[in-house]
Protein backbone atom coordinates (compact mmCIF):
# COMPACT_ATOMS: atom_id res chain seq x y z
CA MET A 1 25.69 47.74 58.52
CA THR A 2 26.20 47.65 62.26
CA HIS A 3 25.20 44.81 64.48
CA ILE A 4 23.79 45.60 67.90
CA GLN A 5 24.62 43.37 70.81
CA PRO A 6 22.46 44.24 73.81
CA ALA A 7 24.15 43.91 77.19
CA PHE A 8 22.43 42.35 80.16
CA ASP A 9 21.82 45.78 81.70
CA GLY A 10 19.99 46.99 78.57
CA THR A 11 22.77 49.13 77.07
CA GLU A 12 23.58 48.49 73.42
CA PHE A 13 27.02 48.26 71.90
CA ALA A 14 27.65 48.50 68.17
CA ALA A 15 29.72 45.53 67.07
CA ALA A 16 31.69 45.09 63.89
CA ALA A 17 29.92 43.29 61.07
CA PRO A 18 30.75 39.61 60.85
CA SER A 19 33.38 38.75 58.27
CA ILE A 20 32.18 37.70 54.88
CA ALA A 21 33.47 34.26 53.98
CA ARG A 22 35.43 34.05 50.75
CA ARG A 23 33.72 32.13 48.03
CA LYS A 24 34.80 28.56 47.48
CA ILE A 25 35.12 26.70 44.19
CA ASP A 26 34.36 22.98 44.44
CA ASP A 27 36.37 21.85 41.40
CA TYR A 28 40.17 21.98 41.73
CA GLU A 29 40.84 22.43 38.00
CA ALA A 30 38.32 25.29 37.75
CA TRP A 31 39.89 26.91 40.81
CA VAL A 32 43.38 26.67 39.29
CA THR A 33 42.07 28.18 36.05
CA GLU A 34 40.79 31.18 38.00
CA VAL A 35 43.75 31.82 40.33
CA ARG A 36 46.73 30.90 38.14
CA PRO A 37 46.73 34.04 35.96
CA VAL A 38 47.03 36.21 39.08
CA PHE A 39 50.07 34.26 40.30
CA GLU A 40 51.64 34.25 36.83
CA GLU A 41 51.33 38.04 36.72
CA ILE A 42 52.88 38.40 40.19
CA ALA A 43 55.71 36.04 39.20
CA ARG A 44 56.46 38.19 36.14
CA THR A 45 57.16 41.17 38.40
CA GLY A 46 59.98 39.35 40.21
CA GLN A 47 58.79 40.85 43.50
CA PRO A 48 58.56 38.62 46.60
CA PHE A 49 55.06 37.59 47.64
CA LEU A 50 53.10 35.58 50.19
CA CYS A 51 50.34 33.40 48.78
CA TRP A 52 47.79 34.29 51.45
CA LYS A 53 48.40 37.99 50.82
CA VAL A 54 47.97 37.61 47.05
CA ALA A 55 44.73 35.70 47.61
CA LYS A 56 43.43 38.33 50.03
CA ASP A 57 44.46 41.36 47.96
CA ASN A 58 42.98 39.92 44.77
CA ASP A 59 39.85 38.48 46.40
CA LEU A 60 40.64 35.00 45.11
CA PRO A 61 38.31 32.12 45.96
CA ASP A 62 39.20 29.27 48.28
CA PRO A 63 40.00 25.88 46.75
CA PRO A 64 37.96 22.73 47.46
CA ASP A 65 40.42 21.54 50.13
CA ARG A 66 41.70 24.78 51.65
CA ASP A 67 44.20 23.06 53.95
CA HIS A 68 46.01 21.23 51.15
CA ASP A 69 45.20 22.66 47.72
CA TRP A 70 47.10 25.93 48.20
CA GLY A 71 50.28 23.94 48.88
CA ARG A 72 49.58 21.65 45.94
CA PHE A 73 49.09 24.64 43.65
CA VAL A 74 52.24 26.47 44.78
CA ALA A 75 54.28 23.26 44.52
CA ALA A 76 53.12 22.93 40.90
CA LEU A 77 54.19 26.52 40.14
CA HIS A 78 57.58 25.79 41.73
CA ARG A 79 58.01 22.51 39.78
CA GLU A 80 57.20 24.34 36.54
CA GLY A 81 59.93 26.89 37.22
CA LEU A 82 57.57 29.82 37.57
CA ILE A 83 58.44 30.67 41.18
CA ARG A 84 61.30 30.02 43.60
CA PHE A 85 61.68 30.14 47.36
CA ASP A 86 62.82 33.58 48.52
CA SER A 87 62.59 33.69 52.32
CA PHE A 88 59.98 33.44 55.05
CA GLY A 89 57.11 35.74 55.90
CA LEU A 90 54.32 35.78 58.45
CA THR A 91 50.62 35.08 58.27
CA ARG A 92 48.09 37.29 60.00
CA ASP A 93 48.43 35.15 63.14
CA LYS A 94 52.26 35.38 62.97
CA SER A 95 52.88 31.82 61.74
CA ALA A 96 55.88 31.42 59.43
CA VAL A 97 55.16 30.74 55.75
CA ARG A 98 57.31 30.70 52.66
CA ARG A 99 57.80 33.88 50.69
CA TRP A 100 58.08 33.26 46.95
CA ARG A 101 59.53 35.22 44.04
CA GLY A 102 59.11 34.82 40.31
CA THR A 103 62.04 33.23 38.50
CA ALA A 104 64.01 34.82 35.67
CA ALA A 105 62.24 32.40 33.33
CA ALA A 106 58.87 33.69 34.52
CA ARG A 107 59.95 37.26 33.87
CA ARG A 108 60.93 36.22 30.33
CA ASP A 109 57.79 34.01 29.96
CA ASP A 110 60.03 30.95 29.48
CA ALA A 111 58.65 28.88 32.36
CA ALA A 112 57.18 25.46 31.56
């Protein structure tokens, strides 16, 4: 679907469609239940990952408190020994974020 934005002189320019907002789950526990299996599977691979990229690539929903719940969730995975800090990566706007990697325990399914 294209969106037409008329100019003041009457010419029309086709604009990109507006972005579709990701769905949001209002209950934190229900959100964790939905997104955790994806992160457990990624951790089992042992490959480094960025949380925002995993969420985008797997079309995961946003948590109730988007600014804080992602950090809370990743901290829980780290505390449980499922993931460990690997290095830093960049967001789409070039901000630095942590890059994670699954632990040896996660690859063996021994994580808490």
